[in-house]
């Protein structure tokens, strides 16, 4: 009976630990996809001929999931550059998974 109690306790602890690892790996995967999406968007902006300052709300699909990108483009201190801030979140969630700030060439200068 004591052995059965010990086994049940160890099994419950192992199950709890595996659930924690699974949740952490899902969160890590989300952060990785968020970083890829933000980097892809920044690269697309760098390839465009002209980019105007302002805010945009974009939707992207990756890994059979929908993602929301909040993009803000504003003049930088250097007039040759524009500052770009991108926040990525799951389409079903409200909090940002990844956030990046980058700079692109101001084609109007």
PDB file of N, CA and C in Angstrom:
ATOM      1  N   UNK A   1       0.820  -1.189   0.000  1.00  0.00           N
ATOM      2  CA  UNK A   1       0.000   0.000   0.000  1.00  0.00           C
ATOM      3  C   UNK A   1       0.871   1.263   0.000  1.00  0.00           C
ATOM      4  N   UNK A   2       1.958   1.220   0.769  1.00  0.00           N
ATOM      5  CA  UNK A   2       2.862   2.365   0.813  1.00  0.00           C
ATOM      6  C   UNK A   2       3.521   2.550  -0.551  1.00  0.00           C
ATOM      7  N   UNK A   3       3.899   1.445  -1.179  1.00  0.00           N
ATOM      8  CA  UNK A   3       4.521   1.525  -2.504  1.00  0.00           C
ATOM      9  C   UNK A   3       3.550   2.125  -3.521  1.00  0.00           C
ATOM     10  N   UNK A   4       2.289   1.782  -3.417  1.00  0.00           N
ATOM     11  CA  UNK A   4       1.279   2.328  -4.322  1.00  0.00           C
ATOM     12  C   UNK A   4       1.120   3.830  -4.110  1.00  0.00           C
ATOM     13  N   UNK A   5       1.153   4.279  -2.872  1.00  0.00           N
ATOM     14  CA  UNK A   5       1.065   5.707  -2.566  1.00  0.00           C
ATOM     15  C   UNK A   5       2.280   6.452  -3.125  1.00  0.00           C
ATOM     16  N   UNK A   6       3.455   5.874  -2.941  1.00  0.00           N
ATOM     17  CA  UNK A   6       4.675   6.498  -3.461  1.00  0.00           C
ATOM     18  C   UNK A   6       4.612   6.569  -4.988  1.00  0.00           C
ATOM     19  N   UNK A   7       4.185   5.476  -5.626  1.00  0.00           N
ATOM     20  CA  UNK A   7       4.075   5.462  -7.083  1.00  0.00           C
ATOM     21  C   UNK A   7       3.079   6.514  -7.569  1.00  0.00           C
ATOM     22  N   UNK A   8       1.954   6.645  -6.903  1.00  0.00           N
ATOM     23  CA  UNK A   8       0.945   7.637  -7.303  1.00  0.00           C
ATOM     24  C   UNK A   8       1.498   9.054  -7.167  1.00  0.00           C
ATOM     25  N   UNK A   9       2.248   9.309  -6.106  1.00  0.00           N
ATOM     26  CA  UNK A   9       2.839  10.629  -5.900  1.00  0.00           C
ATOM     27  C   UNK A   9       3.872  10.938  -6.984  1.00  0.00           C
ATOM     28  N   UNK A  10       4.725   9.973  -7.283  1.00  0.00           N
ATOM     29  CA  UNK A  10       5.740  10.160  -8.322  1.00  0.00           C
ATOM     30  C   UNK A  10       5.078  10.345  -9.690  1.00  0.00           C
ATOM     31  N   UNK A  11       4.044   9.580  -9.976  1.00  0.00           N
ATOM     32  CA  UNK A  11       3.342   9.703 -11.257  1.00  0.00           C
ATOM     33  C   UNK A  11       2.679  11.071 -11.386  1.00  0.00           C
ATOM     34  N   UNK A  12       2.081  11.564 -10.312  1.00  0.00           N
ATOM     35  CA  UNK A  12       1.452  12.888 -10.341  1.00  0.00           C
ATOM     36  C   UNK A  12       2.500  13.979 -10.552  1.00  0.00           C
ATOM     37  N   UNK A  13       3.652  13.840  -9.906  1.00  0.00           N
ATOM     38  CA  UNK A  13       4.724  14.824 -10.079  1.00  0.00           C
ATOM     39  C   UNK A  13       5.259  14.798 -11.513  1.00  0.00           C
ATOM     40  N   UNK A  14       5.416  13.616 -12.083  1.00  0.00           N
ATOM     41  CA  UNK A  14       5.902  13.504 -13.462  1.00  0.00           C
ATOM     42  C   UNK A  14       4.899  14.101 -14.442  1.00  0.00           C
ATOM     43  N   UNK A  15       3.620  13.870 -14.211  1.00  0.00           N
ATOM     44  CA  UNK A  15       2.587  14.434 -15.075  1.00  0.00           C
ATOM     45  C   UNK A  15       2.582  15.957 -14.990  1.00  0.00           C
ATOM     46  N   UNK A  16       2.705  16.477 -13.787  1.00  0.00           N
ATOM     47  CA  UNK A  16       2.739  17.925 -13.600  1.00  0.00           C
ATOM     48  C   UNK A  16       3.955  18.537 -14.297  1.00  0.00           C
ATOM     49  N   UNK A  17       5.102  17.897 -14.170  1.00  0.00           N
ATOM     50  CA  UNK A  17       6.317  18.403 -14.811  1.00  0.00           C
ATOM     51  C   UNK A  17       6.196  18.359 -16.332  1.00  0.00           C
ATOM     52  N   UNK A  18       5.615  17.296 -16.872  1.00  0.00           N
ATOM     53  CA  UNK A  18       5.479  17.203 -18.329  1.00  0.00           C
ATOM     54  C   UNK A  18       4.495  18.241 -18.856  1.00  0.00           C
ATOM     55  N   UNK A  19       3.443  18.544 -18.108  1.00  0.00           N
ATOM     56  CA  UNK A  19       2.506  19.590 -18.518  1.00  0.00           C
ATOM     57  C   UNK A  19       3.195  20.956 -18.523  1.00  0.00           C
ATOM     58  N   UNK A  20       4.037  21.214 -17.541  1.00  0.00           N
ATOM     59  CA  UNK A  20       4.779  22.470 -17.480  1.00  0.00           C
ATOM     60  C   UNK A  20       5.702  22.602 -18.691  1.00  0.00           C
ATOM     61  N   UNK A  21       6.421  21.539 -19.023  1.00  0.00           N
ATOM     62  CA  UNK A  21       7.336  21.559 -20.167  1.00  0.00           C
ATOM     63  C   UNK A  21       6.558  21.779 -21.457  1.00  0.00           C
ATOM     64  N   UNK A  22       5.408  21.155 -21.600  1.00  0.00           N
ATOM     65  CA  UNK A  22       4.587  21.322 -22.797  1.00  0.00           C
ATOM     66  C   UNK A  22       4.116  22.765 -22.940  1.00  0.00           C
ATOM     67  N   UNK A  23       3.659  23.371 -21.849  1.00  0.00           N
ATOM     68  CA  UNK A  23       3.225  24.776 -21.891  1.00  0.00           C
ATOM     69  C   UNK A  23       4.390  25.691 -22.258  1.00  0.00           C
ATOM     70  N   UNK A  24       5.565  25.421 -21.712  1.00  0.00           N
ATOM     71  CA  UNK A  24       6.734  26.241 -22.012  1.00  0.00           C
ATOM     72  C   UNK A  24       7.155  26.098 -23.472  1.00  0.00           C
ATOM     73  N   UNK A  25       7.066  24.900 -24.024  1.00  0.00           N
ATOM     74  CA  UNK A  25       7.469  24.716 -25.420  1.00  0.00           C
ATOM     75  C   UNK A  25       6.485  25.393 -26.369  1.00  0.00           C
ATOM     76  N   UNK A  26       5.197  25.416 -26.036  1.00  0.00           N
ATOM     77  CA  UNK A  26       4.211  26.126 -26.858  1.00  0.00           C
ATOM     78  C   UNK A  26       4.487  27.626 -26.808  1.00  0.00           C
ATOM     79  N   UNK A  27       4.789  28.153 -25.635  1.00  0.00           N
ATOM     80  CA  UNK A  27       5.099  29.580 -25.505  1.00  0.00           C
ATOM     81  C   UNK A  27       6.377  29.927 -26.270  1.00  0.00           C
ATOM     82  N   UNK A  28       7.365  29.063 -26.214  1.00  0.00           N
ATOM     83  CA  UNK A  28       8.611  29.291 -26.948  1.00  0.00           C
ATOM     84  C   UNK A  28       8.359  29.280 -28.457  1.00  0.00           C
ATOM     85  N   UNK A  29       7.531  28.357 -28.916  1.00  0.00           N
ATOM     86  CA  UNK A  29       7.190  28.298 -30.341  1.00  0.00           C
ATOM     87  C   UNK A  29       6.471  29.574 -30.777  1.00  0.00           C
ATOM     88  N   UNK A  30       5.546  30.066 -29.961  1.00  0.00           N
ATOM     89  CA  UNK A  30       4.845  31.315 -30.277  1.00  0.00           C
ATOM     90  C   UNK A  30       5.818  32.485 -30.378  1.00  0.00           C
ATOM     91  N   UNK A  31       6.758  32.578 -29.446  1.00  0.00           N
ATOM     92  CA  UNK A  31       7.734  33.672 -29.486  1.00  0.00           C
ATOM     93  C   UNK A  31       8.629  33.569 -30.722  1.00  0.00           C
ATOM     94  N   UNK A  32       8.996  32.355 -31.095  1.00  0.00           N
ATOM     95  CA  UNK A  32       9.818  32.159 -32.286  1.00  0.00           C
ATOM     96  C   UNK A  32       9.057  32.589 -33.541  1.00  0.00           C
ATOM     97  N   UNK A  33       7.799  32.168 -33.680  1.00  0.00           N
ATOM     98  CA  UNK A  33       6.997  32.576 -34.837  1.00  0.00           C
ATOM     99  C   UNK A  33       6.776  34.085 -34.837  1.00  0.00           C
ATOM    100  N   UNK A  34       6.579  34.668 -33.662  1.00  0.00           N
ATOM    101  CA  UNK A  34       6.424  36.118 -33.569  1.00  0.00           C
ATOM    102  C   UNK A  34       7.663  36.847 -34.058  1.00  0.00           C
ATOM    103  N   UNK A  35       8.835  36.348 -33.697  1.00  0.00           N
ATOM    104  CA  UNK A  35      10.090  36.959 -34.150  1.00  0.00           C
ATOM    105  C   UNK A  35      10.241  36.824 -35.658  1.00  0.00           C
ATOM    106  N   UNK A  36       9.899  35.664 -36.203  1.00  0.00           N
ATOM    107  CA  UNK A  36       9.986  35.474 -37.654  1.00  0.00           C
ATOM    108  C   UNK A  36       9.042  36.415 -38.389  1.00  0.00           C
ATOM    109  N   UNK A  37       7.808  36.517 -37.905  1.00  0.00           N
ATOM    110  CA  UNK A  37       6.828  37.385 -38.562  1.00  0.00           C
ATOM    111  C   UNK A  37       7.273  38.846 -38.534  1.00  0.00           C
ATOM    112  N   UNK A  38       7.774  39.294 -37.399  1.00  0.00           N
ATOM    113  CA  UNK A  38       8.237  40.684 -37.292  1.00  0.00           C
ATOM    114  C   UNK A  38       9.432  40.927 -38.211  1.00  0.00           C
ATOM    115  N   UNK A  39      10.379  40.002 -38.235  1.00  0.00           N
ATOM    116  CA  UNK A  39      11.545  40.151 -39.111  1.00  0.00           C
ATOM    117  C   UNK A  39      11.136  40.130 -40.583  1.00  0.00           C
ATOM    118  N   UNK A  40      10.188  39.255 -40.934  1.00  0.00           N
ATOM    119  CA  UNK A  40       9.709  39.210 -42.318  1.00  0.00           C
ATOM    120  C   UNK A  40       9.059  40.529 -42.718  1.00  0.00           C
ATOM    121  N   UNK A  41       8.241  41.090 -41.825  1.00  0.00           N
ATOM    122  CA  UNK A  41       7.568  42.351 -42.135  1.00  0.00           C
ATOM    123  C   UNK A  41       8.585  43.482 -42.287  1.00  0.00           C
ATOM    124  N   UNK A  42       9.566  43.519 -41.412  1.00  0.00           N
ATOM    125  CA  UNK A  42      10.608  44.545 -41.510  1.00  0.00           C
ATOM    126  C   UNK A  42      11.391  44.399 -42.820  1.00  0.00           C
ATOM    127  N   UNK A  43      11.671  43.177 -43.220  1.00  0.00           N
ATOM    128  CA  UNK A  43      12.368  42.944 -44.493  1.00  0.00           C
ATOM    129  C   UNK A  43      11.517  43.381 -45.677  1.00  0.00           C
ATOM    130  N   UNK A  44      10.208  43.104 -45.623  1.00  0.00           N
ATOM    131  CA  UNK A  44       9.318  43.544 -46.696  1.00  0.00           C
ATOM    132  C   UNK A  44       9.308  45.067 -46.803  1.00  0.00           C
ATOM    133  N   UNK A  45       9.290  45.746 -45.669  1.00  0.00           N
ATOM    134  CA  UNK A  45       9.308  47.211 -45.687  1.00  0.00           C
ATOM    135  C   UNK A  45      10.608  47.739 -46.287  1.00  0.00           C
ATOM    136  N   UNK A  46      11.708  47.087 -45.990  1.00  0.00           N
ATOM    137  CA  UNK A  46      13.001  47.524 -46.527  1.00  0.00           C
ATOM    138  C   UNK A  46      13.068  47.354 -48.046  1.00  0.00           C
ATOM    139  N   UNK A  47      12.304  46.409 -48.586  1.00  0.00           N
ATOM    140  CA  UNK A  47      12.314  46.164 -50.025  1.00  0.00           C
ATOM    141  C   UNK A  47      11.350  47.061 -50.797  1.00  0.00           C
ATOM    142  N   UNK A  48      10.417  47.697 -50.105  1.00  0.00           N
ATOM    143  CA  UNK A  48       9.446  48.546 -50.789  1.00  0.00           C
ATOM    144  C   UNK A  48      10.117  49.819 -51.295  1.00  0.00           C
ATOM    145  N   UNK A  49       9.595  50.318 -52.425  1.00  0.00           N
ATOM    146  CA  UNK A  49      10.156  51.536 -53.020  1.00  0.00           C
ATOM    147  C   UNK A  49       9.880  52.761 -52.159  1.00  0.00           C
ATOM    148  N   UNK A  50       8.705  52.833 -51.575  1.00  0.00           N
ATOM    149  CA  UNK A  50       8.353  53.986 -50.731  1.00  0.00           C
ATOM    150  C   UNK A  50       7.477  53.505 -49.581  1.00  0.00           C
ATOM    151  N   UNK A  51       7.718  54.067 -48.416  1.00  0.00           N
ATOM    152  CA  UNK A  51       6.949  53.721 -47.225  1.00  0.00           C
ATOM    153  C   UNK A  51       6.547  55.007 -46.530  1.00  0.00           C
ATOM    154  N   UNK A  52       5.262  55.142 -46.247  1.00  0.00           N
ATOM    155  CA  UNK A  52       4.753  56.354 -45.602  1.00  0.00           C
ATOM    156  C   UNK A  52       4.627  56.136 -44.099  1.00  0.00           C
ATOM    157  N   UNK A  53       4.908  57.170 -43.301  1.00  0.00           N
ATOM    158  CA  UNK A  53       4.699  57.061 -41.857  1.00  0.00           C
ATOM    159  C   UNK A  53       3.222  56.815 -41.541  1.00  0.00           C
ATOM    160  N   UNK A  54       2.978  56.156 -40.418  1.00  0.00           N
ATOM    161  CA  UNK A  54       1.611  55.891 -39.984  1.00  0.00           C
ATOM    162  C   UNK A  54       1.509  54.555 -39.271  1.00  0.00           C
ATOM    163  N   UNK A  55       0.272  54.199 -38.934  1.00  0.00           N
ATOM    164  CA  UNK A  55       0.000  52.938 -38.235  1.00  0.00           C
ATOM    165  C   UNK A  55      -0.747  51.996 -39.163  1.00  0.00           C
ATOM    166  N   UNK A  56      -0.461  50.707 -39.002  1.00  0.00           N
ATOM    167  CA  UNK A  56      -1.171  49.691 -39.760  1.00  0.00           C
ATOM    168  C   UNK A  56      -1.451  48.502 -38.872  1.00  0.00           C
ATOM    169  N   UNK A  57      -2.585  47.882 -39.128  1.00  0.00           N
ATOM    170  CA  UNK A  57      -3.006  46.660 -38.448  1.00  0.00           C
ATOM    171  C   UNK A  57      -3.013  45.577 -39.523  1.00  0.00           C
ATOM    172  N   UNK A  58      -2.108  44.604 -39.428  1.00  0.00           N
ATOM    173  CA  UNK A  58      -1.941  43.583 -40.462  1.00  0.00           C
ATOM    174  C   UNK A  58      -2.281  42.210 -39.915  1.00  0.00           C
ATOM    175  N   UNK A  59      -2.737  41.330 -40.795  1.00  0.00           N
ATOM    176  CA  UNK A  59      -3.019  39.947 -40.431  1.00  0.00           C
ATOM    177  C   UNK A  59      -2.155  39.043 -41.298  1.00  0.00           C
ATOM    178  N   UNK A  60      -1.510  38.083 -40.679  1.00  0.00           N
ATOM    179  CA  UNK A  60      -0.670  37.121 -41.393  1.00  0.00           C
ATOM    180  C   UNK A  60      -1.032  35.712 -40.922  1.00  0.00           C
ATOM    181  N   UNK A  61      -0.783  34.737 -41.785  1.00  0.00           N
ATOM    182  CA  UNK A  61      -0.978  33.327 -41.432  1.00  0.00           C
ATOM    183  C   UNK A  61       0.373  32.628 -41.448  1.00  0.00           C
ATOM    184  N   UNK A  62       0.617  31.841 -40.411  1.00  0.00           N
ATOM    185  CA  UNK A  62       1.840  31.041 -40.336  1.00  0.00           C
ATOM    186  C   UNK A  62       1.539  29.829 -39.471  1.00  0.00           C
ATOM    187  N   UNK A  63       1.949  28.677 -39.940  1.00  0.00           N
ATOM    188  CA  UNK A  63       1.755  27.426 -39.212  1.00  0.00           C
ATOM    189  C   UNK A  63       0.274  27.188 -38.913  1.00  0.00           C
ATOM    190  N   UNK A  64      -0.569  27.428 -39.911  1.00  0.00           N
ATOM    191  CA  UNK A  64      -2.024  27.234 -39.806  1.00  0.00           C
ATOM    192  C   UNK A  64      -2.639  28.040 -38.663  1.00  0.00           C
ATOM    193  N   UNK A  65      -2.001  29.141 -38.309  1.00  0.00           N
ATOM    194  CA  UNK A  65      -2.527  30.037 -37.275  1.00  0.00           C
ATOM    195  C   UNK A  65      -2.542  31.451 -37.819  1.00  0.00           C
ATOM    196  N   UNK A  66      -3.477  32.246 -37.323  1.00  0.00           N
ATOM    197  CA  UNK A  66      -3.553  33.648 -37.716  1.00  0.00           C
ATOM    198  C   UNK A  66      -2.852  34.504 -36.672  1.00  0.00           C
ATOM    199  N   UNK A  67      -2.131  35.509 -37.166  1.00  0.00           N
ATOM    200  CA  UNK A  67      -1.347  36.402 -36.323  1.00  0.00           C
ATOM    201  C   UNK A  67      -1.706  37.841 -36.659  1.00  0.00           C
ATOM    202  N   UNK A  68      -1.610  38.709 -35.677  1.00  0.00           N
ATOM    203  CA  UNK A  68      -1.872  40.129 -35.864  1.00  0.00           C
ATOM    204  C   UNK A  68      -0.574  40.901 -35.660  1.00  0.00           C
ATOM    205  N   UNK A  69      -0.282  41.796 -36.604  1.00  0.00           N
ATOM    206  CA  UNK A  69       0.895  42.656 -36.507  1.00  0.00           C
ATOM    207  C   UNK A  69       0.425  44.095 -36.400  1.00  0.00           C
ATOM    208  N   UNK A  70       0.865  44.774 -35.364  1.00  0.00           N
ATOM    209  CA  UNK A  70       0.619  46.207 -35.202  1.00  0.00           C
ATOM    210  C   UNK A  70       1.908  46.905 -35.620  1.00  0.00           C
ATOM    211  N   UNK A  71       1.819  47.730 -36.634  1.00  0.00           N
ATOM    212  CA  UNK A  71       3.012  48.375 -37.181  1.00  0.00           C
ATOM    213  C   UNK A  71       2.884  49.889 -37.074  1.00  0.00           C
ATOM    214  N   UNK A  72       3.938  50.523 -36.575  1.00  0.00           N
ATOM    215  CA  UNK A  72       3.963  51.989 -36.505  1.00  0.00           C
ATOM    216  C   UNK A  72       5.248  52.466 -37.156  1.00  0.00           C
ATOM    217  N   UNK A  73       5.094  53.354 -38.125  1.00  0.00           N
ATOM    218  CA  UNK A  73       6.241  53.937 -38.819  1.00  0.00           C
ATOM    219  C   UNK A  73       6.242  55.429 -38.526  1.00  0.00           C
ATOM    220  N   UNK A  74       7.370  55.931 -38.043  1.00  0.00           N
ATOM    221  CA  UNK A  74       7.487  57.350 -37.678  1.00  0.00           C
ATOM    222  C   UNK A  74       8.860  57.863 -38.112  1.00  0.00           C
ATOM    223  N   UNK A  75       8.973  59.169 -38.330  1.00  0.00           N
ATOM    224  CA  UNK A  75      10.289  59.731 -38.659  1.00  0.00           C
ATOM    225  C   UNK A  75      11.281  59.475 -37.519  1.00  0.00           C
ATOM    226  N   UNK A  76      12.508  59.171 -37.883  1.00  0.00           N
ATOM    227  CA  UNK A  76      13.566  58.966 -36.892  1.00  0.00           C
ATOM    228  C   UNK A  76      14.324  60.274 -36.700  1.00  0.00           C
ATOM    229  N   UNK A  77      15.241  60.293 -35.752  1.00  0.00           N
ATOM    230  CA  UNK A  77      16.050  61.503 -35.526  1.00  0.00           C
ATOM    231  C   UNK A  77      16.866  61.849 -36.763  1.00  0.00           C
ATOM    232  N   UNK A  78      17.353  60.830 -37.426  1.00  0.00           N
ATOM    233  CA  UNK A  78      18.085  61.023 -38.678  1.00  0.00           C
ATOM    234  C   UNK A  78      17.050  61.124 -39.801  1.00  0.00           C
ATOM    235  N   UNK A  79      16.993  62.216 -40.537  1.00  0.00           N
ATOM    236  CA  UNK A  79      15.962  62.382 -41.560  1.00  0.00           C
ATOM    237  C   UNK A  79      16.066  61.378 -42.708  1.00  0.00           C
ATOM    238  N   UNK A  80      17.165  60.667 -42.811  1.00  0.00           N
ATOM    239  CA  UNK A  80      17.312  59.651 -43.855  1.00  0.00           C
ATOM    240  C   UNK A  80      16.637  58.337 -43.486  1.00  0.00           C
ATOM    241  N   UNK A  81      16.158  58.233 -42.230  1.00  0.00           N
ATOM    242  CA  UNK A  81      15.590  56.977 -41.740  1.00  0.00           C
ATOM    243  C   UNK A  81      14.166  57.151 -41.240  1.00  0.00           C
ATOM    244  N   UNK A  82      13.433  56.037 -41.223  1.00  0.00           N
ATOM    245  CA  UNK A  82      12.132  55.946 -40.570  1.00  0.00           C
ATOM    246  C   UNK A  82      12.239  54.869 -39.499  1.00  0.00           C
ATOM    247  N   UNK A  83      11.653  55.131 -38.334  1.00  0.00           N
ATOM    248  CA  UNK A  83      11.649  54.150 -37.254  1.00  0.00           C
ATOM    249  C   UNK A  83      10.401  53.291 -37.380  1.00  0.00           C
ATOM    250  N   UNK A  84      10.579  51.980 -37.300  1.00  0.00           N
ATOM    251  CA  UNK A  84       9.471  51.035 -37.430  1.00  0.00           C
ATOM    252  C   UNK A  84       9.352  50.238 -36.136  1.00  0.00           C
ATOM    253  N   UNK A  85       8.165  50.236 -35.558  1.00  0.00           N
ATOM    254  CA  UNK A  85       7.879  49.413 -34.380  1.00  0.00           C
ATOM    255  C   UNK A  85       6.822  48.394 -34.783  1.00  0.00           C
ATOM    256  N   UNK A  86       7.095  47.122 -34.519  1.00  0.00           N
ATOM    257  CA  UNK A  86       6.168  46.051 -34.871  1.00  0.00           C
ATOM    258  C   UNK A  86       5.904  45.217 -33.630  1.00  0.00           C
ATOM    259  N   UNK A  87       4.620  45.003 -33.346  1.00  0.00           N
ATOM    260  CA  UNK A  87       4.196  44.117 -32.265  1.00  0.00           C
ATOM    261  C   UNK A  87       3.415  42.968 -32.881  1.00  0.00           C
ATOM    262  N   UNK A  88       3.733  41.751 -32.469  1.00  0.00           N
ATOM    263  CA  UNK A  88       3.073  40.564 -32.999  1.00  0.00           C
ATOM    264  C   UNK A  88       2.299  39.889 -31.876  1.00  0.00           C
ATOM    265  N   UNK A  89       1.068  39.508 -32.172  1.00  0.00           N
ATOM    266  CA  UNK A  89       0.256  38.755 -31.219  1.00  0.00           C
ATOM    267  C   UNK A  89      -0.549  37.716 -31.985  1.00  0.00           C
ATOM    268  N   UNK A  90      -1.021  36.711 -31.274  1.00  0.00           N
ATOM    269  CA  UNK A  90      -1.920  35.742 -31.900  1.00  0.00           C
ATOM    270  C   UNK A  90      -3.225  36.454 -32.194  1.00  0.00           C
ATOM    271  N   UNK A  91      -3.898  36.081 -33.260  1.00  0.00           N
ATOM    272  CA  UNK A  91      -5.159  36.724 -33.627  1.00  0.00           C
ATOM    273  C   UNK A  91      -6.207  36.520 -32.542  1.00  0.00           C
ATOM    274  N   UNK A  92      -6.084  35.440 -31.780  1.00  0.00           N
ATOM    275  CA  UNK A  92      -7.040  35.152 -30.714  1.00  0.00           C
ATOM    276  C   UNK A  92      -6.652  35.787 -29.388  1.00  0.00           C
ATOM    277  N   UNK A  93      -5.437  36.322 -29.284  1.00  0.00           N
ATOM    278  CA  UNK A  93      -4.974  36.907 -28.023  1.00  0.00           C
ATOM    279  C   UNK A  93      -4.794  38.402 -28.139  1.00  0.00           C
ATOM    280  N   UNK A  94      -4.661  39.041 -27.007  1.00  0.00           N
ATOM    281  CA  UNK A  94      -4.528  40.498 -27.009  1.00  0.00           C
ATOM    282  C   UNK A  94      -3.119  40.961 -26.635  1.00  0.00           C
ATOM    283  N   UNK A  95      -2.364  40.139 -25.947  1.00  0.00           N
ATOM    284  CA  UNK A  95      -1.039  40.579 -25.506  1.00  0.00           C
ATOM    285  C   UNK A  95       0.009  40.275 -26.580  1.00  0.00           C
ATOM    286  N   UNK A  96       0.997  41.152 -26.664  1.00  0.00           N
ATOM    287  CA  UNK A  96       2.058  41.008 -27.664  1.00  0.00           C
ATOM    288  C   UNK A  96       2.979  39.854 -27.287  1.00  0.00           C
ATOM    289  N   UNK A  97       3.261  39.011 -28.260  1.00  0.00           N
ATOM    290  CA  UNK A  97       4.180  37.892 -28.074  1.00  0.00           C
ATOM    291  C   UNK A  97       5.604  38.337 -28.367  1.00  0.00           C
ATOM    292  N   UNK A  98       5.728  39.213 -29.363  1.00  0.00           N
ATOM    293  CA  UNK A  98       7.054  39.699 -29.758  1.00  0.00           C
ATOM    294  C   UNK A  98       6.937  41.158 -30.171  1.00  0.00           C
ATOM    295  N   UNK A  99       7.976  41.902 -29.883  1.00  0.00           N
ATOM    296  CA  UNK A  99       8.009  43.326 -30.219  1.00  0.00           C
ATOM    297  C   UNK A  99       9.405  43.657 -30.726  1.00  0.00           C
ATOM    298  N   UNK A 100       9.472  44.409 -31.830  1.00  0.00           N
ATOM    299  CA  UNK A 100      10.768  44.749 -32.405  1.00  0.00           C
ATOM    300  C   UNK A 100      10.732  46.194 -32.896  1.00  0.00           C
ATOM    301  N   UNK A 101      11.877  46.851 -32.799  1.00  0.00           N
ATOM    302  CA  UNK A 101      12.051  48.192 -33.351  1.00  0.00           C
ATOM    303  C   UNK A 101      13.197  48.129 -34.346  1.00  0.00           C
ATOM    304  N   UNK A 102      12.953  48.685 -35.526  1.00  0.00           N
ATOM    305  CA  UNK A 102      13.973  48.698 -36.567  1.00  0.00           C
ATOM    306  C   UNK A 102      13.911  50.003 -37.333  1.00  0.00           C
ATOM    307  N   UNK A 103      14.810  50.163 -38.265  1.00  0.00           N
ATOM    308  CA  UNK A 103      14.870  51.382 -39.059  1.00  0.00           C
ATOM    309  C   UNK A 103      14.949  51.009 -40.523  1.00  0.00           C
ATOM    310  N   UNK A 104      14.275  51.813 -41.336  1.00  0.00           N
ATOM    311  CA  UNK A 104      14.316  51.627 -42.779  1.00  0.00           C
ATOM    312  C   UNK A 104      14.679  52.955 -43.425  1.00  0.00           C
ATOM    313  N   UNK A 105      15.100  52.869 -44.665  1.00  0.00           N
ATOM    314  CA  UNK A 105      15.493  54.073 -45.394  1.00  0.00           C
ATOM    315  C   UNK A 105      14.270  54.919 -45.710  1.00  0.00           C
ATOM    316  N   UNK A 106      14.391  56.218 -45.502  1.00  0.00           N
ATOM    317  CA  UNK A 106      13.336  57.160 -45.859  1.00  0.00           C
ATOM    318  C   UNK A 106      13.561  57.546 -47.317  1.00  0.00           C
ATOM    319  N   UNK A 107      12.726  57.035 -48.198  1.00  0.00           N
ATOM    320  CA  UNK A 107      12.912  57.260 -49.633  1.00  0.00           C
ATOM    321  C   UNK A 107      12.551  58.679 -50.046  1.00  0.00           C
ATOM    322  N   UNK A 108      11.923  59.434 -49.155  1.00  0.00           N
ATOM    323  CA  UNK A 108      11.531  60.807 -49.473  1.00  0.00           C
ATOM    324  C   UNK A 108      12.666  61.791 -49.233  1.00  0.00           C
ATOM    325  N   UNK A 109      13.754  61.344 -48.661  1.00  0.00           N
ATOM    326  CA  UNK A 109      14.901  62.225 -48.381  1.00  0.00           C
ATOM    327  C   UNK A 109      15.926  62.110 -49.466  1.00  0.00           C
TER     328      UNK A 109
END
